N, C-alpha and C. Protein backbone atom coordinates (compact mmCIF):
# COMPACT_ATOMS: atom_id res chain seq x y z
N MET A 1 37.47 29.19 19.53
CA MET A 1 36.71 29.56 18.23
C MET A 1 36.51 31.11 18.40
N THR A 2 36.96 31.84 17.37
CA THR A 2 36.73 33.26 17.45
C THR A 2 35.68 33.68 16.53
N LYS A 3 34.65 34.37 17.03
CA LYS A 3 33.51 34.73 16.30
C LYS A 3 33.72 36.14 15.60
N ALA A 4 33.21 36.10 14.31
CA ALA A 4 33.24 37.35 13.57
C ALA A 4 31.71 37.63 13.30
N THR A 5 31.52 38.56 12.38
CA THR A 5 30.21 38.86 11.94
C THR A 5 29.57 37.65 11.29
N SER A 6 28.75 36.80 11.93
CA SER A 6 28.01 35.69 11.31
C SER A 6 28.98 34.58 10.96
N THR A 7 30.23 34.67 11.26
CA THR A 7 31.21 33.52 10.95
C THR A 7 31.95 33.16 12.20
N ALA A 8 32.52 32.03 12.28
CA ALA A 8 33.40 31.51 13.31
C ALA A 8 34.54 30.81 12.57
N THR A 9 35.78 30.97 13.21
CA THR A 9 36.98 30.35 12.70
C THR A 9 37.42 29.40 13.74
N GLU A 10 37.78 28.06 13.27
CA GLU A 10 38.23 27.03 14.17
C GLU A 10 39.35 26.39 13.62
N THR A 11 40.46 26.23 14.44
CA THR A 11 41.68 25.48 14.06
C THR A 11 41.50 23.98 14.50
N VAL A 12 41.96 23.11 13.70
CA VAL A 12 41.84 21.69 14.01
C VAL A 12 43.12 21.03 13.73
N GLU A 13 43.60 20.28 14.79
CA GLU A 13 44.97 19.60 14.57
C GLU A 13 44.69 18.19 13.93
N THR A 14 45.45 17.97 12.94
CA THR A 14 45.21 16.68 12.13
C THR A 14 46.66 16.03 12.01
N ASP A 15 46.75 14.74 11.62
CA ASP A 15 47.95 14.05 11.41
C ASP A 15 48.79 14.61 10.19
N ALA A 16 48.12 15.52 9.48
CA ALA A 16 48.77 16.20 8.33
C ALA A 16 49.12 17.60 8.72
N GLY A 17 48.91 18.05 9.84
CA GLY A 17 49.09 19.50 10.33
C GLY A 17 47.87 20.12 10.80
N THR A 18 47.98 21.38 11.02
CA THR A 18 46.85 22.21 11.46
C THR A 18 45.97 22.69 10.27
N ALA A 19 44.62 22.33 10.31
CA ALA A 19 43.70 22.83 9.39
C ALA A 19 42.91 23.86 9.97
N ARG A 20 42.17 24.57 9.10
CA ARG A 20 41.27 25.70 9.56
C ARG A 20 39.87 25.61 9.00
N ILE A 21 38.80 25.84 9.85
CA ILE A 21 37.43 25.82 9.30
C ILE A 21 36.90 27.23 9.57
N THR A 22 36.26 27.73 8.46
CA THR A 22 35.53 29.00 8.62
C THR A 22 34.04 28.53 8.51
N TRP A 23 33.33 28.72 9.58
CA TRP A 23 31.96 28.38 9.76
C TRP A 23 30.99 29.56 9.35
N HIS A 24 29.98 29.18 8.53
CA HIS A 24 29.02 30.17 8.19
C HIS A 24 27.69 29.44 8.70
N PRO A 25 27.28 29.67 9.83
CA PRO A 25 26.03 28.92 10.47
C PRO A 25 24.80 29.38 10.03
N ALA A 26 23.87 28.30 9.85
CA ALA A 26 22.51 28.65 9.64
C ALA A 26 21.76 28.73 10.97
N LYS A 27 20.79 29.47 11.07
CA LYS A 27 19.99 29.67 12.25
C LYS A 27 19.33 28.44 12.65
N LYS A 28 18.63 27.77 11.71
CA LYS A 28 17.89 26.47 11.91
C LYS A 28 18.51 25.45 11.05
N ALA A 29 19.73 25.02 11.34
CA ALA A 29 20.49 24.15 10.35
C ALA A 29 19.95 22.77 10.41
N ARG A 30 19.87 22.17 9.20
CA ARG A 30 19.45 20.79 9.03
C ARG A 30 20.58 20.01 8.41
N LEU A 31 21.57 20.70 7.79
CA LEU A 31 22.69 20.01 7.20
C LEU A 31 23.90 20.84 7.35
N VAL A 32 25.15 20.17 7.26
CA VAL A 32 26.43 20.87 7.14
C VAL A 32 26.96 20.64 5.84
N LEU A 33 27.29 21.56 5.14
CA LEU A 33 28.07 21.40 3.80
C LEU A 33 29.42 21.84 4.08
N ALA A 34 30.42 20.85 3.98
CA ALA A 34 31.79 21.11 4.24
C ALA A 34 32.53 21.13 2.85
N VAL A 35 33.16 22.17 2.51
CA VAL A 35 33.75 22.41 1.23
C VAL A 35 35.23 22.86 1.24
N SER A 36 36.08 22.05 0.68
CA SER A 36 37.53 22.44 0.59
C SER A 36 37.93 22.83 -0.76
N HIS A 37 39.11 23.53 -0.75
CA HIS A 37 39.63 24.24 -1.88
C HIS A 37 40.38 23.14 -2.83
N GLY A 38 40.97 23.71 -3.93
CA GLY A 38 41.70 22.80 -4.87
C GLY A 38 43.08 22.95 -4.60
N ALA A 39 43.93 22.41 -5.45
CA ALA A 39 45.41 22.40 -5.27
C ALA A 39 46.07 23.73 -5.61
N GLY A 40 45.43 24.55 -6.33
CA GLY A 40 46.03 25.83 -6.68
C GLY A 40 45.35 27.13 -6.13
N GLY A 41 44.43 26.92 -5.08
CA GLY A 41 43.72 28.09 -4.63
C GLY A 41 43.14 27.73 -3.17
N GLY A 42 42.49 28.79 -2.69
CA GLY A 42 41.99 28.65 -1.28
C GLY A 42 40.55 28.83 -1.24
N ILE A 43 40.05 29.06 0.01
CA ILE A 43 38.53 29.11 0.24
C ILE A 43 37.96 30.40 -0.30
N GLU A 44 38.76 31.29 -0.91
CA GLU A 44 38.25 32.54 -1.45
C GLU A 44 37.69 32.30 -2.91
N ALA A 45 37.71 31.11 -3.37
CA ALA A 45 37.28 30.79 -4.73
C ALA A 45 35.76 31.20 -4.79
N ARG A 46 35.47 31.62 -5.93
CA ARG A 46 34.08 32.27 -6.21
C ARG A 46 32.90 31.40 -5.92
N ASP A 47 33.18 29.98 -6.18
CA ASP A 47 31.97 29.23 -5.88
C ASP A 47 31.85 28.86 -4.32
N LEU A 48 32.95 28.71 -3.78
CA LEU A 48 32.93 28.43 -2.33
C LEU A 48 32.38 29.59 -1.58
N LYS A 49 32.86 30.90 -1.88
CA LYS A 49 32.28 32.08 -1.23
C LYS A 49 30.80 32.23 -1.52
N ALA A 50 30.40 32.06 -2.68
CA ALA A 50 28.98 32.14 -2.99
C ALA A 50 28.03 31.13 -2.23
N LEU A 51 28.51 30.01 -2.04
CA LEU A 51 27.74 28.89 -1.25
C LEU A 51 27.71 29.38 0.11
N ALA A 52 28.74 29.87 0.65
CA ALA A 52 28.69 30.44 2.05
C ALA A 52 27.89 31.56 2.33
N GLU A 53 27.67 32.44 1.22
CA GLU A 53 26.84 33.58 1.33
C GLU A 53 25.33 33.16 1.26
N VAL A 54 24.98 32.16 0.48
CA VAL A 54 23.67 31.85 0.10
C VAL A 54 22.93 30.76 0.90
N LEU A 55 23.64 29.67 1.15
CA LEU A 55 23.07 28.56 1.72
C LEU A 55 22.59 28.63 3.17
N PRO A 56 23.34 29.36 4.07
CA PRO A 56 22.84 29.41 5.48
C PRO A 56 21.53 29.95 5.66
N ALA A 57 21.02 30.82 4.81
CA ALA A 57 19.67 31.44 4.88
C ALA A 57 18.63 30.30 4.62
N HIS A 58 19.08 29.08 4.04
CA HIS A 58 18.22 27.99 3.76
C HIS A 58 18.42 26.84 4.54
N GLY A 59 18.92 26.98 5.73
CA GLY A 59 19.02 25.90 6.69
C GLY A 59 20.32 24.98 6.48
N VAL A 60 21.28 25.40 5.71
CA VAL A 60 22.53 24.65 5.45
C VAL A 60 23.72 25.45 6.05
N THR A 61 24.32 25.01 7.13
CA THR A 61 25.50 25.61 7.60
C THR A 61 26.59 25.22 6.69
N VAL A 62 27.40 26.11 6.36
CA VAL A 62 28.55 25.98 5.40
C VAL A 62 29.88 26.10 6.17
N ALA A 63 30.74 25.09 5.96
CA ALA A 63 32.02 25.16 6.58
C ALA A 63 33.07 25.12 5.42
N ARG A 64 33.71 26.16 5.35
CA ARG A 64 34.86 26.26 4.30
C ARG A 64 36.18 25.84 4.97
N VAL A 65 36.74 24.89 4.36
CA VAL A 65 37.98 24.13 5.02
C VAL A 65 39.14 24.43 4.36
N GLU A 66 40.20 24.90 5.06
CA GLU A 66 41.50 25.04 4.56
C GLU A 66 42.36 23.80 5.00
N GLN A 67 42.81 23.18 4.06
CA GLN A 67 43.70 22.01 4.30
C GLN A 67 45.05 22.48 5.03
N PRO A 68 45.67 21.57 5.79
CA PRO A 68 46.87 21.99 6.44
C PRO A 68 47.92 22.63 5.63
N TRP A 69 48.19 22.19 4.43
CA TRP A 69 49.23 22.69 3.61
C TRP A 69 49.01 24.14 3.29
N ARG A 70 47.62 24.52 3.13
CA ARG A 70 47.36 25.99 2.85
C ARG A 70 47.52 26.71 4.15
N VAL A 71 47.13 26.20 5.23
CA VAL A 71 47.26 26.88 6.55
C VAL A 71 48.75 27.12 6.82
N ALA A 72 49.66 26.25 6.38
CA ALA A 72 51.08 26.34 6.56
C ALA A 72 51.70 27.31 5.64
N GLY A 73 50.88 27.76 4.68
CA GLY A 73 51.44 28.78 3.71
C GLY A 73 52.25 28.11 2.54
N LYS A 74 52.11 26.83 2.33
CA LYS A 74 52.75 26.14 1.24
C LYS A 74 52.04 26.32 -0.11
N LYS A 75 52.77 26.37 -1.13
CA LYS A 75 52.16 26.75 -2.46
C LYS A 75 51.71 25.46 -3.28
N LEU A 76 52.36 24.37 -2.85
CA LEU A 76 51.95 23.14 -3.62
C LEU A 76 51.31 22.16 -2.65
N ALA A 77 50.25 21.56 -3.21
CA ALA A 77 49.47 20.64 -2.45
C ALA A 77 50.30 19.21 -2.31
N PRO A 78 50.19 18.57 -1.25
CA PRO A 78 50.84 17.26 -1.09
C PRO A 78 50.15 16.15 -1.86
N ALA A 79 50.68 15.01 -1.67
CA ALA A 79 50.05 13.84 -2.39
C ALA A 79 48.60 13.51 -1.92
N PRO A 80 47.82 12.89 -2.68
CA PRO A 80 46.45 12.60 -2.40
C PRO A 80 46.28 11.91 -1.04
N LYS A 81 47.17 11.04 -0.75
CA LYS A 81 47.06 10.20 0.58
C LYS A 81 47.16 11.23 1.77
N THR A 82 48.03 12.31 1.63
CA THR A 82 48.14 13.26 2.66
C THR A 82 46.96 14.14 2.75
N LEU A 83 46.40 14.53 1.56
CA LEU A 83 45.18 15.31 1.60
C LEU A 83 44.03 14.51 2.29
N ASP A 84 43.92 13.29 1.97
CA ASP A 84 42.90 12.37 2.65
C ASP A 84 43.18 12.31 4.14
N THR A 85 44.41 12.25 4.51
CA THR A 85 44.67 12.16 6.03
C THR A 85 44.20 13.48 6.65
N GLY A 86 44.41 14.64 6.02
CA GLY A 86 43.95 15.84 6.60
C GLY A 86 42.48 16.00 6.78
N TRP A 87 41.81 15.47 5.76
CA TRP A 87 40.37 15.46 5.74
C TRP A 87 39.69 14.68 6.81
N ARG A 88 40.32 13.47 6.95
CA ARG A 88 39.90 12.58 8.01
C ARG A 88 40.08 13.22 9.37
N GLY A 89 41.16 14.00 9.60
CA GLY A 89 41.45 14.64 10.88
C GLY A 89 40.44 15.72 11.14
N ILE A 90 39.96 16.40 10.12
CA ILE A 90 39.03 17.51 10.18
C ILE A 90 37.60 17.03 10.39
N TRP A 91 37.27 15.87 10.00
CA TRP A 91 35.88 15.29 9.93
C TRP A 91 35.23 15.44 11.35
N PRO A 92 35.92 14.95 12.45
CA PRO A 92 35.16 14.99 13.79
C PRO A 92 34.64 16.52 14.10
N ALA A 93 35.42 17.56 13.73
CA ALA A 93 34.90 18.88 13.94
C ALA A 93 33.65 19.19 13.08
N LEU A 94 33.70 18.67 11.85
CA LEU A 94 32.66 18.92 10.89
C LEU A 94 31.33 18.30 11.36
N ALA A 95 31.59 17.05 11.95
CA ALA A 95 30.32 16.34 12.43
C ALA A 95 29.88 16.72 13.80
N GLY A 96 30.74 17.64 14.42
CA GLY A 96 30.54 18.08 15.84
C GLY A 96 29.02 18.62 16.06
N PRO A 97 28.51 19.40 15.11
CA PRO A 97 27.18 19.93 15.34
C PRO A 97 26.08 18.93 15.41
N GLY A 98 26.41 17.62 15.13
CA GLY A 98 25.47 16.53 15.14
C GLY A 98 24.50 16.50 14.01
N LEU A 99 24.80 17.09 12.98
CA LEU A 99 24.01 17.13 11.72
C LEU A 99 24.48 16.29 10.61
N PRO A 100 23.73 15.83 9.66
CA PRO A 100 24.38 15.11 8.57
C PRO A 100 25.35 16.08 7.81
N VAL A 101 26.43 15.49 7.39
CA VAL A 101 27.48 16.30 6.68
C VAL A 101 27.54 15.91 5.24
N ILE A 102 27.49 16.88 4.39
CA ILE A 102 27.78 16.82 3.02
C ILE A 102 29.27 16.99 2.83
N SER A 103 29.96 16.15 2.28
CA SER A 103 31.38 16.27 2.01
C SER A 103 31.58 16.81 0.70
N GLY A 104 32.30 17.90 0.65
CA GLY A 104 32.47 18.62 -0.66
C GLY A 104 33.74 19.35 -0.89
N GLY A 105 33.97 19.74 -2.08
CA GLY A 105 35.14 20.51 -2.47
C GLY A 105 35.16 20.88 -3.89
N ARG A 106 36.17 21.66 -4.24
CA ARG A 106 36.42 21.99 -5.73
C ARG A 106 37.74 21.31 -6.06
N SER A 107 37.77 20.79 -7.35
CA SER A 107 38.91 20.20 -7.96
C SER A 107 39.58 19.04 -6.98
N ALA A 108 40.74 19.29 -6.51
CA ALA A 108 41.49 18.34 -5.79
C ALA A 108 40.54 18.01 -4.45
N GLY A 109 39.92 19.03 -3.95
CA GLY A 109 39.01 18.90 -2.78
C GLY A 109 37.77 18.00 -3.14
N ALA A 110 37.29 18.05 -4.37
CA ALA A 110 36.27 17.17 -4.82
C ALA A 110 36.75 15.74 -4.83
N ARG A 111 37.96 15.54 -5.27
CA ARG A 111 38.53 14.08 -5.25
C ARG A 111 38.57 13.58 -3.90
N VAL A 112 39.16 14.37 -2.94
CA VAL A 112 39.19 13.86 -1.52
C VAL A 112 37.83 13.51 -0.96
N ALA A 113 36.80 14.40 -1.28
CA ALA A 113 35.41 14.09 -0.77
C ALA A 113 35.01 12.81 -1.29
N CYS A 114 35.27 12.47 -2.58
CA CYS A 114 34.73 11.23 -3.17
C CYS A 114 35.46 10.06 -2.61
N ARG A 115 36.74 10.20 -2.44
CA ARG A 115 37.58 9.10 -1.99
C ARG A 115 37.26 8.69 -0.54
N THR A 116 36.81 9.61 0.29
CA THR A 116 36.66 9.26 1.72
C THR A 116 35.16 9.31 2.16
N ALA A 117 34.25 9.41 1.24
CA ALA A 117 32.93 9.71 1.67
C ALA A 117 32.22 8.43 2.42
N THR A 118 32.38 7.25 1.93
CA THR A 118 31.88 6.14 2.50
C THR A 118 32.49 5.77 3.87
N GLU A 119 33.81 5.98 3.94
CA GLU A 119 34.59 5.62 5.12
C GLU A 119 34.24 6.59 6.29
N LEU A 120 33.92 7.91 5.94
CA LEU A 120 33.66 8.92 6.98
C LEU A 120 32.20 8.88 7.32
N GLY A 121 31.35 8.28 6.51
CA GLY A 121 29.86 8.40 6.67
C GLY A 121 29.31 9.70 6.28
N ALA A 122 29.89 10.20 5.14
CA ALA A 122 29.19 11.38 4.64
C ALA A 122 27.74 11.13 4.10
N HIS A 123 26.96 12.18 4.35
CA HIS A 123 25.60 12.14 3.86
C HIS A 123 25.52 12.18 2.31
N ALA A 124 26.35 12.85 1.74
CA ALA A 124 26.39 13.07 0.27
C ALA A 124 27.74 13.71 -0.10
N VAL A 125 28.00 13.85 -1.38
CA VAL A 125 29.15 14.52 -1.90
C VAL A 125 28.79 15.60 -2.96
N LEU A 126 29.43 16.76 -2.68
CA LEU A 126 29.31 17.84 -3.68
C LEU A 126 30.62 17.97 -4.37
N ALA A 127 30.66 17.74 -5.61
CA ALA A 127 32.01 17.84 -6.46
C ALA A 127 31.87 18.99 -7.39
N LEU A 128 32.63 19.95 -7.04
CA LEU A 128 32.70 21.23 -7.82
C LEU A 128 33.89 21.17 -8.73
N SER A 129 33.78 21.28 -10.00
CA SER A 129 34.92 21.26 -10.96
C SER A 129 35.78 19.99 -10.80
N PHE A 130 35.04 18.77 -10.77
CA PHE A 130 35.76 17.52 -10.49
C PHE A 130 36.78 17.34 -11.69
N PRO A 131 38.08 17.15 -11.30
CA PRO A 131 39.15 17.10 -12.39
C PRO A 131 39.21 15.63 -12.89
N LEU A 132 38.35 15.37 -13.91
CA LEU A 132 38.16 14.07 -14.37
C LEU A 132 39.47 13.47 -15.02
N HIS A 133 40.30 14.27 -15.56
CA HIS A 133 41.56 13.95 -16.13
C HIS A 133 42.46 15.22 -16.13
N PRO A 134 43.81 15.04 -16.13
CA PRO A 134 44.74 16.15 -16.47
C PRO A 134 44.39 16.89 -17.64
N PRO A 135 44.49 18.10 -17.89
CA PRO A 135 44.28 18.80 -19.26
C PRO A 135 45.06 18.13 -20.37
N GLY A 136 44.33 17.77 -21.45
CA GLY A 136 44.94 17.18 -22.56
C GLY A 136 45.25 15.75 -22.47
N LYS A 137 44.88 15.12 -21.30
CA LYS A 137 45.27 13.73 -21.08
C LYS A 137 44.05 12.85 -20.66
N PRO A 138 42.97 12.84 -21.57
CA PRO A 138 41.77 12.10 -21.12
C PRO A 138 41.95 10.69 -20.76
N GLU A 139 43.15 10.10 -21.24
CA GLU A 139 43.32 8.70 -20.95
C GLU A 139 43.64 8.42 -19.48
N LYS A 140 44.02 9.51 -18.82
CA LYS A 140 44.43 9.37 -17.39
C LYS A 140 43.10 9.80 -16.57
N SER A 141 42.12 8.96 -16.63
CA SER A 141 40.77 9.19 -16.02
C SER A 141 40.75 8.92 -14.62
N ARG A 142 40.08 9.87 -13.79
CA ARG A 142 39.92 9.60 -12.35
C ARG A 142 38.36 9.29 -12.13
N ALA A 143 37.74 8.77 -13.10
CA ALA A 143 36.26 8.51 -13.11
C ALA A 143 35.97 7.54 -11.82
N ASP A 144 36.96 6.59 -11.56
CA ASP A 144 36.61 5.60 -10.62
C ASP A 144 36.42 6.25 -9.18
N GLU A 145 37.18 7.34 -8.98
CA GLU A 145 36.98 8.06 -7.68
C GLU A 145 35.64 8.68 -7.53
N LEU A 146 35.18 9.19 -8.68
CA LEU A 146 33.82 9.81 -8.67
C LEU A 146 32.71 8.73 -8.56
N LEU A 147 32.86 7.64 -9.31
CA LEU A 147 31.88 6.57 -9.38
C LEU A 147 31.81 5.74 -8.14
N GLY A 148 32.85 5.84 -7.45
CA GLY A 148 33.07 5.07 -6.14
C GLY A 148 32.69 5.81 -4.93
N SER A 149 32.22 6.97 -5.01
CA SER A 149 31.76 7.77 -3.81
C SER A 149 30.86 6.98 -2.78
N GLY A 150 29.90 6.28 -3.45
CA GLY A 150 29.08 5.38 -2.61
C GLY A 150 27.84 6.17 -1.96
N VAL A 151 27.73 7.50 -2.13
CA VAL A 151 26.62 8.38 -1.59
C VAL A 151 26.07 9.21 -2.71
N PRO A 152 24.97 9.75 -2.46
CA PRO A 152 24.37 10.70 -3.44
C PRO A 152 25.47 11.86 -3.79
N THR A 153 25.61 12.04 -5.12
CA THR A 153 26.63 12.93 -5.45
C THR A 153 26.25 13.92 -6.50
N LEU A 154 26.55 15.13 -6.32
CA LEU A 154 26.22 16.19 -7.35
C LEU A 154 27.56 16.73 -7.89
N VAL A 155 27.73 16.73 -9.20
CA VAL A 155 28.88 17.31 -9.94
C VAL A 155 28.42 18.65 -10.50
N VAL A 156 29.16 19.77 -10.25
CA VAL A 156 28.88 20.98 -10.95
C VAL A 156 30.10 21.28 -11.79
N GLN A 157 29.96 21.33 -13.11
CA GLN A 157 31.17 21.29 -14.02
C GLN A 157 31.03 22.49 -15.06
N GLY A 158 32.11 23.17 -15.32
CA GLY A 158 32.06 24.19 -16.27
C GLY A 158 32.01 23.55 -17.72
N GLY A 159 31.32 24.12 -18.61
CA GLY A 159 31.28 23.65 -19.89
C GLY A 159 32.49 23.62 -20.65
N ASN A 160 33.54 24.47 -20.29
CA ASN A 160 34.77 24.54 -20.94
C ASN A 160 35.90 24.14 -20.08
N ASP A 161 35.61 23.23 -19.12
CA ASP A 161 36.67 22.94 -18.04
C ASP A 161 37.65 21.97 -18.85
N PRO A 162 38.97 22.44 -18.76
CA PRO A 162 40.02 21.60 -19.54
C PRO A 162 40.25 20.23 -18.70
N PHE A 163 39.81 20.20 -17.51
CA PHE A 163 40.09 19.10 -16.69
C PHE A 163 38.90 18.01 -16.87
N GLY A 164 37.94 18.34 -17.79
CA GLY A 164 36.90 17.48 -18.05
C GLY A 164 35.59 18.19 -18.35
N LYS A 165 35.21 18.11 -19.58
CA LYS A 165 33.93 18.75 -20.04
C LYS A 165 32.72 17.89 -19.60
N PRO A 166 31.57 18.48 -19.34
CA PRO A 166 30.39 17.67 -18.85
C PRO A 166 30.17 16.40 -19.76
N GLU A 167 30.31 16.59 -21.07
CA GLU A 167 30.02 15.37 -21.90
C GLU A 167 31.02 14.29 -21.89
N GLU A 168 32.19 14.51 -21.31
CA GLU A 168 33.15 13.49 -21.12
C GLU A 168 32.91 12.55 -19.92
N PHE A 169 31.99 13.08 -18.98
CA PHE A 169 31.75 12.17 -17.72
C PHE A 169 30.96 10.94 -18.09
N PRO A 170 31.45 9.94 -17.36
CA PRO A 170 30.79 8.62 -17.62
C PRO A 170 29.36 8.60 -16.95
N ALA A 171 28.49 7.62 -17.45
CA ALA A 171 27.25 7.48 -16.85
C ALA A 171 27.43 6.96 -15.44
N GLY A 172 26.50 7.35 -14.51
CA GLY A 172 26.62 6.87 -13.15
C GLY A 172 25.45 7.42 -12.41
N SER A 173 25.33 7.10 -11.07
CA SER A 173 24.32 7.56 -10.19
C SER A 173 24.40 8.84 -9.88
N HIS A 174 25.54 9.56 -10.18
CA HIS A 174 25.69 11.08 -9.86
C HIS A 174 24.73 11.89 -10.68
N GLU A 175 24.49 13.06 -10.12
CA GLU A 175 23.72 14.16 -10.93
C GLU A 175 24.84 15.03 -11.45
N LEU A 176 24.72 15.61 -12.61
CA LEU A 176 25.61 16.66 -13.17
C LEU A 176 24.93 17.85 -13.63
N VAL A 177 25.48 19.03 -13.18
CA VAL A 177 24.88 20.33 -13.64
C VAL A 177 25.93 21.04 -14.38
N GLU A 178 25.73 21.50 -15.51
CA GLU A 178 26.72 22.28 -16.36
C GLU A 178 26.55 23.74 -16.17
N VAL A 179 27.70 24.44 -15.92
CA VAL A 179 27.77 25.89 -15.94
C VAL A 179 28.31 26.31 -17.34
N PRO A 180 27.39 26.74 -18.28
CA PRO A 180 27.77 27.03 -19.66
C PRO A 180 28.96 28.02 -19.71
N TYR A 181 29.90 27.61 -20.60
CA TYR A 181 31.11 28.46 -20.82
C TYR A 181 32.07 28.42 -19.62
N GLY A 182 31.74 27.95 -18.61
CA GLY A 182 32.70 27.96 -17.41
C GLY A 182 34.00 27.22 -17.54
N ASP A 183 35.09 27.73 -17.01
CA ASP A 183 36.33 27.11 -17.06
C ASP A 183 36.44 26.33 -15.78
N HIS A 184 37.73 25.92 -15.30
CA HIS A 184 37.82 25.20 -14.15
C HIS A 184 37.47 25.98 -12.89
N GLY A 185 37.64 27.28 -12.91
CA GLY A 185 37.23 28.15 -11.77
C GLY A 185 35.84 28.81 -11.93
N PHE A 186 35.07 28.21 -12.92
CA PHE A 186 33.79 28.74 -13.28
C PHE A 186 33.86 30.20 -13.84
N ALA A 187 34.98 30.71 -14.24
CA ALA A 187 35.06 31.88 -14.90
C ALA A 187 34.37 31.79 -16.37
N VAL A 188 33.62 32.80 -16.71
CA VAL A 188 33.12 32.69 -18.07
C VAL A 188 33.49 34.02 -18.88
N PRO A 189 33.77 33.76 -20.23
CA PRO A 189 34.27 34.97 -20.90
C PRO A 189 33.17 36.03 -21.11
N LYS A 190 33.63 37.22 -21.34
CA LYS A 190 32.67 38.37 -21.42
C LYS A 190 31.70 38.18 -22.56
N ARG A 191 32.16 37.51 -23.63
CA ARG A 191 31.21 37.39 -24.81
C ARG A 191 30.19 36.33 -24.52
N ALA A 192 30.29 35.56 -23.48
CA ALA A 192 29.38 34.53 -23.16
C ALA A 192 27.93 34.89 -23.00
N GLU A 193 27.05 33.96 -23.28
CA GLU A 193 25.59 34.29 -23.15
C GLU A 193 25.09 34.36 -21.76
N ILE A 194 25.95 34.03 -20.83
CA ILE A 194 25.63 34.03 -19.38
C ILE A 194 26.74 34.95 -18.70
N SER A 195 26.14 35.79 -17.78
CA SER A 195 27.08 36.75 -17.09
C SER A 195 27.85 35.99 -16.03
N GLN A 196 28.97 36.56 -15.42
CA GLN A 196 29.65 35.94 -14.37
C GLN A 196 28.69 35.75 -13.20
N ASP A 197 27.95 36.75 -12.88
CA ASP A 197 26.97 36.68 -11.73
C ASP A 197 25.98 35.63 -11.97
N GLY A 198 25.54 35.52 -13.28
CA GLY A 198 24.57 34.48 -13.70
C GLY A 198 25.11 33.09 -13.42
N ALA A 199 26.40 32.94 -13.82
CA ALA A 199 27.06 31.60 -13.69
C ALA A 199 27.08 31.28 -12.27
N VAL A 200 27.50 32.14 -11.39
CA VAL A 200 27.55 31.81 -9.98
C VAL A 200 26.20 31.54 -9.37
N ALA A 201 25.27 32.21 -9.77
CA ALA A 201 23.85 31.98 -9.36
C ALA A 201 23.37 30.62 -9.75
N LEU A 202 23.92 30.18 -10.89
CA LEU A 202 23.38 28.87 -11.41
C LEU A 202 23.93 27.80 -10.42
N ILE A 203 25.20 27.94 -9.99
CA ILE A 203 25.86 27.06 -9.12
C ILE A 203 25.11 26.96 -7.77
N THR A 204 24.87 28.20 -7.08
CA THR A 204 24.10 28.21 -5.86
C THR A 204 22.81 27.68 -5.97
N ASP A 205 22.05 28.01 -7.07
CA ASP A 205 20.67 27.49 -7.20
C ASP A 205 20.61 26.00 -7.28
N ALA A 206 21.55 25.41 -8.06
CA ALA A 206 21.65 24.04 -8.24
C ALA A 206 21.98 23.26 -7.00
N VAL A 207 22.92 23.86 -6.18
CA VAL A 207 23.26 23.15 -4.89
C VAL A 207 22.16 23.36 -3.97
N LEU A 208 21.51 24.42 -3.93
CA LEU A 208 20.42 24.69 -2.99
C LEU A 208 19.16 23.66 -3.34
N GLU A 209 18.91 23.49 -4.65
CA GLU A 209 17.85 22.57 -4.98
C GLU A 209 18.20 21.20 -4.63
N TRP A 210 19.48 20.82 -4.87
CA TRP A 210 19.94 19.43 -4.53
C TRP A 210 19.89 19.18 -2.98
N THR A 211 20.39 20.15 -2.23
CA THR A 211 20.46 19.91 -0.75
C THR A 211 18.97 19.80 -0.26
N GLY A 212 18.06 20.52 -0.98
CA GLY A 212 16.74 20.42 -0.50
C GLY A 212 16.10 19.03 -0.78
N SER A 213 16.61 18.33 -1.77
CA SER A 213 16.13 17.06 -2.18
C SER A 213 16.68 15.93 -1.37
N LEU A 214 17.76 16.15 -0.59
CA LEU A 214 18.36 15.11 0.23
C LEU A 214 17.52 14.83 1.51
N GLY A 215 17.34 13.65 1.81
CA GLY A 215 16.61 13.19 2.96
C GLY A 215 17.22 13.64 4.28
């Protein structure tokens, strides 16, 4: 593990290849929030970066996880089954600090977190930009994955997300926070009534409040 300024990077061997965790430790941690990227981006996504910057000061260690296919430099994500295999292989390292682990991610990473939460013993699930359906194909719903997480779940969804707008989500035990005007990457147009910084702050505030409510 190589330490940088307030972060540490760890590589983990899984059955799907080598994964990488960038740790953002809290001084008096009570939870670990593990978040992975989507199928089209990496851990530099604005929401994942913001969570890593904000939450450690509030007792939540953040682990930004790069799935093996990203570490290997591939441009296309593998099948869901392979993504789940990678996440399972990473989990022992995430649980290593001995704290409750919130399984999270954005887009495809959120689906992985939901599918594996019960099996892995996740404390809760954070689903950022959950892809409820492919754009323009609401009939191909993935709601069963979300509804089947089996643990406390927070969905943070952009108001204009083509993969599923907040009003399209089914009723369930999950909580849902809307980021007004946000697209799938939580980008908001310049004409929006909320600034980009305001949109990101809404995300971190919502996650901070939710993690504070978890037992």
